[in-house]
């Protein structure tokens, strides 16, 4: 299942783990990504807290935690090659994985159709 936030993050949910990244819309708006700051593995965040930063040649933007939970993994490949956020934002350009503390929070997030209309 894939969900989207109003802050242009996506989540791919498998069981109680969500993989998080930025959407095509977000990377288009940012331009060429040159740096990412990822959270520490084991850190816990409340929903909507700042969990990272993405910087491009045009701007810097916070990456918000789409759900409450603990970071289980970060994408070290992305840290080494931030351009993956542009070239494959929904694949190899993922940012981090989070163990869901409150799966009910997913109900308030958008599906692909709703996000497509929101970001148009």
Protein backbone atom coordinates (compact mmCIF):
# COMPACT_ATOMS: atom_id res chain seq x y z
CA UNK A 1 0.00 0.00 0.00
CA UNK A 2 1.30 3.47 -0.89
CA UNK A 3 0.12 6.66 0.82
CA UNK A 4 1.00 10.33 0.32
CA UNK A 5 1.16 13.41 2.55
CA UNK A 6 0.29 17.05 1.93
CA UNK A 7 4.01 17.75 2.40
CA UNK A 8 4.79 15.60 -0.69
CA UNK A 9 6.23 12.56 1.03
CA UNK A 10 5.26 9.03 0.03
CA UNK A 11 5.08 5.92 2.20
CA UNK A 12 5.16 2.33 1.02
CA UNK A 13 3.72 0.23 3.83
CA UNK A 14 4.59 -3.41 4.38
CA UNK A 15 3.27 -4.76 7.67
CA UNK A 16 4.29 -2.30 10.39
CA UNK A 17 7.22 -0.80 8.42
CA UNK A 18 6.88 2.17 6.07
CA UNK A 19 9.53 3.20 3.57
CA UNK A 20 9.47 7.00 3.15
CA UNK A 21 10.69 9.31 0.39
CA UNK A 22 9.76 12.46 -1.49
CA UNK A 23 7.37 12.45 -4.44
CA UNK A 24 8.02 13.31 -8.08
CA UNK A 25 6.20 16.60 -7.44
CA UNK A 26 8.57 17.47 -4.57
CA UNK A 27 11.74 16.68 -6.48
CA UNK A 28 10.44 18.63 -9.50
CA UNK A 29 9.84 21.67 -7.30
CA UNK A 30 13.25 21.37 -5.63
CA UNK A 31 15.34 20.85 -8.74
CA UNK A 32 18.67 19.03 -8.62
CA UNK A 33 19.12 17.52 -5.15
CA UNK A 34 22.69 17.93 -3.91
CA UNK A 35 22.47 16.94 -0.21
CA UNK A 36 20.24 14.97 2.13
CA UNK A 37 20.28 14.90 5.90
CA UNK A 38 18.80 11.66 7.19
CA UNK A 39 17.62 10.82 10.71
CA UNK A 40 19.53 8.51 13.04
CA UNK A 41 18.52 4.85 13.18
CA UNK A 42 16.65 4.31 16.46
CA UNK A 43 15.41 7.89 16.70
CA UNK A 44 11.69 8.29 17.32
CA UNK A 45 9.53 11.03 15.86
CA UNK A 46 5.99 12.24 16.24
CA UNK A 47 3.91 12.61 13.10
CA UNK A 48 4.71 15.88 11.26
CA UNK A 49 8.03 16.40 13.11
CA UNK A 50 11.06 17.28 10.99
CA UNK A 51 12.94 14.05 10.31
CA UNK A 52 15.45 15.21 7.71
CA UNK A 53 16.45 17.84 5.19
CA UNK A 54 16.79 17.79 1.42
CA UNK A 55 18.84 20.49 -0.28
CA UNK A 56 18.91 21.33 -3.95
CA UNK A 57 20.63 23.93 -6.08
CA UNK A 58 17.46 26.06 -5.67
CA UNK A 59 16.27 25.51 -2.09
CA UNK A 60 16.34 23.49 1.10
CA UNK A 61 13.27 21.75 2.46
CA UNK A 62 12.44 19.78 5.56
CA UNK A 63 11.38 16.17 5.26
CA UNK A 64 8.53 15.58 7.68
CA UNK A 65 7.71 12.38 9.48
CA UNK A 66 4.47 11.19 7.89
CA UNK A 67 3.61 8.92 10.82
CA UNK A 68 4.69 8.49 14.43
CA UNK A 69 7.39 5.87 14.83
CA UNK A 70 11.02 4.82 15.18
CA UNK A 71 13.59 4.90 12.39
CA UNK A 72 14.71 1.37 11.53
CA UNK A 73 16.93 2.09 8.53
CA UNK A 74 18.25 4.98 6.45
CA UNK A 75 19.27 4.93 2.80
CA UNK A 76 23.05 5.27 2.92
CA UNK A 77 23.19 5.01 -0.88
CA UNK A 78 21.07 8.18 -1.08
CA UNK A 79 23.41 9.94 1.36
CA UNK A 80 26.30 9.13 -0.99
CA UNK A 81 24.34 9.96 -4.17
CA UNK A 82 21.58 12.52 -3.39
CA UNK A 83 20.70 12.75 -7.09
CA UNK A 84 18.76 9.48 -6.65
CA UNK A 85 16.03 11.64 -5.08
CA UNK A 86 15.62 13.14 -8.58
CA UNK A 87 16.25 10.16 -10.82
CA UNK A 88 14.28 7.53 -8.86
CA UNK A 89 12.33 9.24 -6.04
CA UNK A 90 9.84 6.37 -5.65
CA UNK A 91 12.51 3.65 -5.81
CA UNK A 92 16.22 3.78 -4.99
CA UNK A 93 15.82 7.41 -3.84
CA UNK A 94 13.91 6.48 -0.66
CA UNK A 95 15.01 8.29 2.53
CA UNK A 96 14.28 6.10 5.57
CA UNK A 97 12.19 3.29 7.01
CA UNK A 98 10.02 3.72 10.08
CA UNK A 99 8.30 1.24 12.39
CA UNK A 100 4.74 2.47 12.79
CA UNK A 101 3.69 3.32 16.35
CA UNK A 102 0.11 4.23 15.41
CA UNK A 103 -1.04 2.57 12.16
CA UNK A 104 -4.38 4.41 12.41
CA UNK A 105 -2.51 7.57 11.30
CA UNK A 106 -2.34 6.04 7.81
CA UNK A 107 -6.10 6.51 7.44
CA UNK A 108 -5.70 10.30 7.21
CA UNK A 109 -3.11 10.11 4.40
CA UNK A 110 -3.94 10.30 0.69
CA UNK A 111 -4.09 7.51 -1.85
CA UNK A 112 -2.55 7.97 -5.31
CA UNK A 113 -5.72 9.33 -6.92
CA UNK A 114 -6.32 11.89 -4.18
CA UNK A 115 -2.65 12.93 -4.14
CA UNK A 116 -2.65 13.32 -7.93
CA UNK A 117 -5.57 15.75 -7.71
CA UNK A 118 -3.97 17.54 -4.71
CA UNK A 119 -0.61 18.06 -6.43
CA UNK A 120 -1.98 18.98 -9.87
